[in-house]
Amino acid sequence: MWTAALWGLAGGSSLVVGALLGLYAPISKKVVALIMALGAGVLVSSVAFELMDEALGKGGFDAAATGLLLGALAFFLGDLMIGRAGGRHRKRSGGQQEAGAASAIVLGSLMDGVPESVAIGVGLLAGGKVGWVFLAAVFLSNIPESLSASVGLKRAGHAPLHILGMWSAIALLSAVAAGLGFTLLRHADANLVAGIQAFAAGAILTMLSSTMLPEAYEEGGAVIGLATTCGFLAAFTLSHL
């Protein structure tokens, strides 16, 4: 459990790194968009060749397909509710966040990050080791998310220490999610574990297509497609070496 929590914290710690960069060493929007696209490409590859492959092997096509669709639906509905609560622009850097919407932003970030953290914990169940390509994908994709959102929160009137505290809390909750994912599913039926892995995959894919990639394209332009493909190829190559 502690190993899973540690790896979950490792993946979530990049949220704090991104927040520090956004608050004290601002990077151009185009660079942030490129990092976001690379992370998205790596995540797509990891979802396909780690999460879904493992889910298919453990529970068969029915568990993998059902979990994937339920994860996508859960993220879609959660994103709608959080958007209405003030978290619609939680990843934007232009100050579009409402001054009182921090709680919605926290919930939105947890909704983005918890499936990834649970997937890290569940991934340890198979062979006792974490899928480091997936972990790298989570780490890389978190940096532009918190970087961009932190710049926007600061422009919306939030204090830097409050912003850093928020991301630190989310990183710790990511560790808790990874630890719980490992502990609660350690002796669970293979079909259930497969379904939860696929559920995480569905939530991650929906997050990428509805929030991460549109934001990257808006800020970075057509080159984002190339960057996403490069991220995918890098992860694909590393996972097969």
Protein backbone atom coordinates (compact mmCIF):
# COMPACT_ATOMS: atom_id res chain seq x y z
CA MET A 1 0.00 0.00 0.00
CA TRP A 2 2.78 2.42 0.95
CA THR A 3 4.64 1.69 -2.27
CA ALA A 4 1.50 2.44 -4.27
CA ALA A 5 0.94 5.64 -2.31
CA LEU A 6 4.53 6.69 -2.91
CA TRP A 7 4.20 6.21 -6.68
CA GLY A 8 0.89 8.05 -6.62
CA LEU A 9 2.59 10.92 -4.83
CA ALA A 10 5.40 10.84 -7.40
CA GLY A 11 2.88 11.27 -10.21
CA GLY A 12 0.93 13.96 -8.37
CA SER A 13 3.99 15.90 -7.23
CA SER A 14 4.35 17.42 -10.68
CA LEU A 15 1.21 19.44 -9.91
CA VAL A 16 3.27 21.38 -7.36
CA VAL A 17 6.16 21.66 -9.83
CA GLY A 18 3.83 23.10 -12.45
CA ALA A 19 2.29 25.52 -9.96
CA LEU A 20 5.74 26.80 -8.94
CA LEU A 21 6.68 27.31 -12.59
CA GLY A 22 3.42 29.12 -13.30
CA LEU A 23 3.68 31.42 -10.28
CA TYR A 24 7.37 32.23 -10.25
CA ALA A 25 8.86 31.31 -13.63
CA PRO A 26 6.12 31.85 -16.22
CA ILE A 27 6.62 29.94 -19.45
CA SER A 28 5.13 31.04 -22.77
CA LYS A 29 1.72 29.67 -23.61
CA LYS A 30 3.05 27.90 -26.69
CA VAL A 31 5.65 25.97 -24.67
CA VAL A 32 2.98 25.00 -22.15
CA ALA A 33 0.76 23.84 -25.01
CA LEU A 34 3.57 21.72 -26.47
CA ILE A 35 4.24 20.07 -23.09
CA MET A 36 0.51 19.44 -22.77
CA ALA A 37 0.38 17.83 -26.21
CA LEU A 38 3.40 15.62 -25.53
CA GLY A 39 1.83 14.50 -22.25
CA ALA A 40 -1.45 13.80 -23.99
CA GLY A 41 0.27 11.64 -26.61
CA VAL A 42 2.12 9.68 -23.93
CA LEU A 43 -1.12 9.20 -22.00
CA VAL A 44 -3.00 7.93 -25.06
CA SER A 45 -0.28 5.36 -25.69
CA SER A 46 -0.18 4.29 -22.05
CA VAL A 47 -3.96 3.98 -21.87
CA ALA A 48 -4.03 1.80 -24.98
CA PHE A 49 -1.01 -0.42 -24.39
CA GLU A 50 -0.96 -0.61 -20.59
CA LEU A 51 -4.38 -0.01 -19.04
CA MET A 52 -6.60 -1.47 -21.75
CA ASP A 53 -4.27 -4.34 -22.64
CA GLU A 54 -4.10 -5.36 -18.99
CA ALA A 55 -7.85 -4.97 -18.56
CA LEU A 56 -8.50 -7.15 -21.60
CA GLY A 57 -6.11 -9.81 -20.35
CA LYS A 58 -7.61 -9.90 -16.86
CA GLY A 59 -11.33 -9.61 -17.54
CA GLY A 60 -11.92 -10.07 -21.25
CA PHE A 61 -13.60 -7.77 -23.73
CA ASP A 62 -16.85 -7.34 -21.77
CA ALA A 63 -15.17 -6.03 -18.60
CA ALA A 64 -12.78 -3.81 -20.57
CA ALA A 65 -15.47 -2.31 -22.81
CA THR A 66 -17.99 -1.79 -20.00
CA GLY A 67 -15.41 -0.17 -17.74
CA LEU A 68 -14.17 2.11 -20.52
CA LEU A 69 -17.67 3.38 -21.35
CA LEU A 70 -18.61 3.87 -17.70
CA GLY A 71 -15.40 5.81 -17.07
CA ALA A 72 -16.07 8.06 -20.04
CA LEU A 73 -19.65 8.67 -18.94
CA ALA A 74 -18.62 9.37 -15.34
CA PHE A 75 -16.07 11.98 -16.42
CA PHE A 76 -18.51 13.56 -18.86
CA LEU A 77 -21.22 13.97 -16.21
CA GLY A 78 -18.76 15.09 -13.54
CA ASP A 79 -17.25 17.67 -15.88
CA LEU A 80 -20.70 19.08 -16.62
CA MET A 81 -21.50 19.46 -12.92
CA ILE A 82 -18.15 21.00 -12.05
CA GLY A 83 -18.45 23.40 -14.98
CA ARG A 84 -21.78 24.62 -13.66
CA ALA A 85 -20.24 25.03 -10.19
CA GLY A 86 -17.58 27.43 -11.50
CA GLY A 87 -14.78 25.10 -12.54
CA ARG A 88 -15.32 25.23 -16.28
CA HIS A 89 -12.12 27.20 -16.89
CA ARG A 90 -10.04 25.39 -14.26
CA LYS A 91 -7.13 24.79 -16.68
CA ARG A 92 -7.07 28.21 -18.32
CA SER A 93 -4.24 30.68 -17.81
CA GLY A 94 -6.02 33.92 -18.70
CA GLY A 95 -7.71 34.55 -15.37
CA GLN A 96 -11.09 33.21 -16.51
CA GLN A 97 -11.51 31.40 -13.18
CA GLU A 98 -14.02 32.96 -10.85
CA ALA A 99 -12.55 34.36 -7.65
CA GLY A 100 -14.64 32.02 -5.52
CA ALA A 101 -14.36 28.91 -7.67
CA ALA A 102 -11.33 27.30 -5.97
CA SER A 103 -13.41 24.46 -4.54
CA ALA A 104 -14.76 23.60 -7.99
CA ILE A 105 -11.24 23.73 -9.40
CA VAL A 106 -10.05 21.34 -6.67
CA LEU A 107 -12.88 18.93 -7.44
CA GLY A 108 -12.16 19.16 -11.16
CA SER A 109 -8.47 18.47 -10.63
CA LEU A 110 -9.29 15.49 -8.43
CA MET A 111 -11.65 14.20 -11.09
CA ASP A 112 -8.79 14.48 -13.60
CA GLY A 113 -6.19 12.94 -11.31
CA VAL A 114 -7.91 10.26 -9.23
CA PRO A 115 -8.43 7.80 -12.13
CA GLU A 116 -4.73 8.13 -12.99
CA SER A 117 -3.70 7.54 -9.37
CA VAL A 118 -6.02 4.56 -8.95
CA ALA A 119 -4.60 3.12 -12.17
CA ILE A 120 -1.09 3.44 -10.72
CA GLY A 121 -2.15 1.54 -7.59
CA VAL A 122 -4.03 -1.14 -9.52
CA GLY A 123 -1.08 -1.54 -11.88
CA LEU A 124 1.04 -2.75 -8.95
CA LEU A 125 -1.35 -5.66 -8.37
CA ALA A 126 -0.18 -7.57 -11.43
CA GLY A 127 3.56 -7.86 -10.98
CA GLY A 128 4.43 -5.77 -7.95
CA LYS A 129 5.94 -2.99 -10.04
CA VAL A 130 4.58 0.24 -11.42
CA GLY A 131 4.19 0.88 -15.15
CA TRP A 132 6.86 3.57 -15.34
CA VAL A 133 5.83 4.75 -18.82
CA PHE A 134 2.31 5.42 -17.51
CA LEU A 135 3.78 7.10 -14.42
CA ALA A 136 5.91 9.33 -16.66
CA ALA A 137 2.81 10.18 -18.70
CA VAL A 138 0.90 11.22 -15.58
CA PHE A 139 3.84 13.28 -14.31
CA LEU A 140 4.31 15.05 -17.63
CA SER A 141 0.62 15.76 -18.20
CA ASN A 142 0.16 17.23 -14.70
CA ILE A 143 2.76 19.97 -15.16
CA PRO A 144 0.96 22.06 -17.81
CA GLU A 145 -2.38 21.53 -16.05
CA SER A 146 -1.28 23.09 -12.76
CA LEU A 147 1.01 25.61 -14.47
CA SER A 148 -1.74 27.02 -16.63
CA ALA A 149 -4.38 26.90 -13.91
CA SER A 150 -2.07 28.55 -11.36
CA VAL A 151 -1.41 31.50 -13.66
CA GLY A 152 -5.15 31.87 -14.19
CA LEU A 153 -5.91 31.60 -10.47
CA LYS A 154 -3.32 34.25 -9.65
CA ARG A 155 -4.82 36.58 -12.24
CA ALA A 156 -8.26 35.90 -10.78
CA GLY A 157 -7.08 37.16 -7.38
CA HIS A 158 -5.95 34.05 -5.48
CA ALA A 159 -2.86 34.31 -3.25
CA PRO A 160 0.20 32.26 -4.35
CA LEU A 161 0.48 30.44 -1.01
CA HIS A 162 -3.18 29.46 -1.24
CA ILE A 163 -2.63 28.15 -4.78
CA LEU A 164 0.44 26.12 -3.74
CA GLY A 165 -1.44 24.72 -0.75
CA MET A 166 -4.28 23.64 -3.02
CA TRP A 167 -2.00 21.74 -5.41
CA SER A 168 -0.05 20.19 -2.53
CA ALA A 169 -3.31 18.87 -1.08
CA ILE A 170 -4.31 17.42 -4.45
CA ALA A 171 -0.89 15.72 -4.76
CA LEU A 172 -1.38 14.13 -1.32
CA LEU A 173 -4.88 12.99 -2.28
CA SER A 174 -3.39 11.40 -5.39
CA ALA A 175 -1.14 9.36 -3.11
CA VAL A 176 -4.15 8.32 -1.03
CA ALA A 177 -6.06 7.29 -4.17
CA ALA A 178 -3.17 5.13 -5.38
CA GLY A 179 -2.81 3.48 -1.97
CA LEU A 180 -6.53 2.80 -1.70
CA GLY A 181 -6.65 1.49 -5.26
CA PHE A 182 -4.02 -1.10 -4.35
CA THR A 183 -5.41 -1.98 -0.90
CA LEU A 184 -9.11 -2.27 -1.71
CA LEU A 185 -8.56 -4.28 -4.89
CA ARG A 186 -5.74 -6.51 -3.70
CA HIS A 187 -7.99 -9.55 -3.32
CA ALA A 188 -10.76 -8.46 -5.68
CA ASP A 189 -12.10 -10.51 -8.55
CA ALA A 190 -10.08 -10.17 -11.77
CA ASN A 191 -13.13 -8.90 -13.67
CA LEU A 192 -13.60 -6.09 -11.16
CA VAL A 193 -9.94 -5.07 -11.32
CA ALA A 194 -10.09 -5.14 -15.12
CA GLY A 195 -13.25 -3.03 -15.11
CA ILE A 196 -11.67 -0.42 -12.83
CA GLN A 197 -8.54 -0.22 -14.98
CA ALA A 198 -10.74 0.30 -18.04
CA PHE A 199 -12.86 2.81 -16.10
CA ALA A 200 -9.72 4.84 -15.45
CA ALA A 201 -8.80 4.56 -19.12
CA GLY A 202 -12.21 5.86 -20.20
CA ALA A 203 -12.05 8.81 -17.81
CA ILE A 204 -8.53 9.72 -18.94
CA LEU A 205 -9.40 9.54 -22.66
CA THR A 206 -12.49 11.70 -22.16
CA MET A 207 -10.46 14.22 -20.15
CA LEU A 208 -7.84 14.40 -22.90
CA SER A 209 -10.34 14.96 -25.69
CA SER A 210 -12.64 17.39 -23.88
CA THR A 211 -10.23 19.57 -21.90
CA MET A 212 -6.53 18.94 -22.43
CA LEU A 213 -6.12 18.73 -26.21
CA PRO A 214 -8.58 21.55 -27.07
CA GLU A 215 -6.72 23.85 -24.67
CA ALA A 216 -3.37 22.81 -26.17
CA TYR A 217 -4.57 23.41 -29.74
CA GLU A 218 -6.04 26.80 -28.85
CA GLU A 219 -2.73 28.00 -27.43
CA GLY A 220 -0.28 26.13 -29.69
CA GLY A 221 -1.92 25.86 -33.09
CA ALA A 222 -1.51 23.11 -35.69
CA VAL A 223 1.90 21.95 -34.39
CA ILE A 224 0.05 20.40 -31.44
CA GLY A 225 -0.93 17.46 -33.64
CA LEU A 226 2.73 16.71 -34.36
CA ALA A 227 3.69 17.05 -30.69
CA THR A 228 0.92 14.67 -29.63
CA THR A 229 2.07 12.11 -32.20
CA CYS A 230 5.67 12.43 -30.99
CA GLY A 231 4.54 11.84 -27.41
CA PHE A 232 2.59 8.77 -28.49
CA LEU A 233 5.55 7.38 -30.45
CA ALA A 234 7.96 7.96 -27.57
CA ALA A 235 5.75 6.10 -25.10
CA PHE A 236 5.00 3.33 -27.59
CA THR A 237 8.70 2.80 -28.23
CA LEU A 238 9.71 2.86 -24.56
CA SER A 239 6.95 0.47 -23.52
CA HIS A 240 8.17 -2.10 -26.07
CA LEU A 241 11.89 -1.90 -25.33
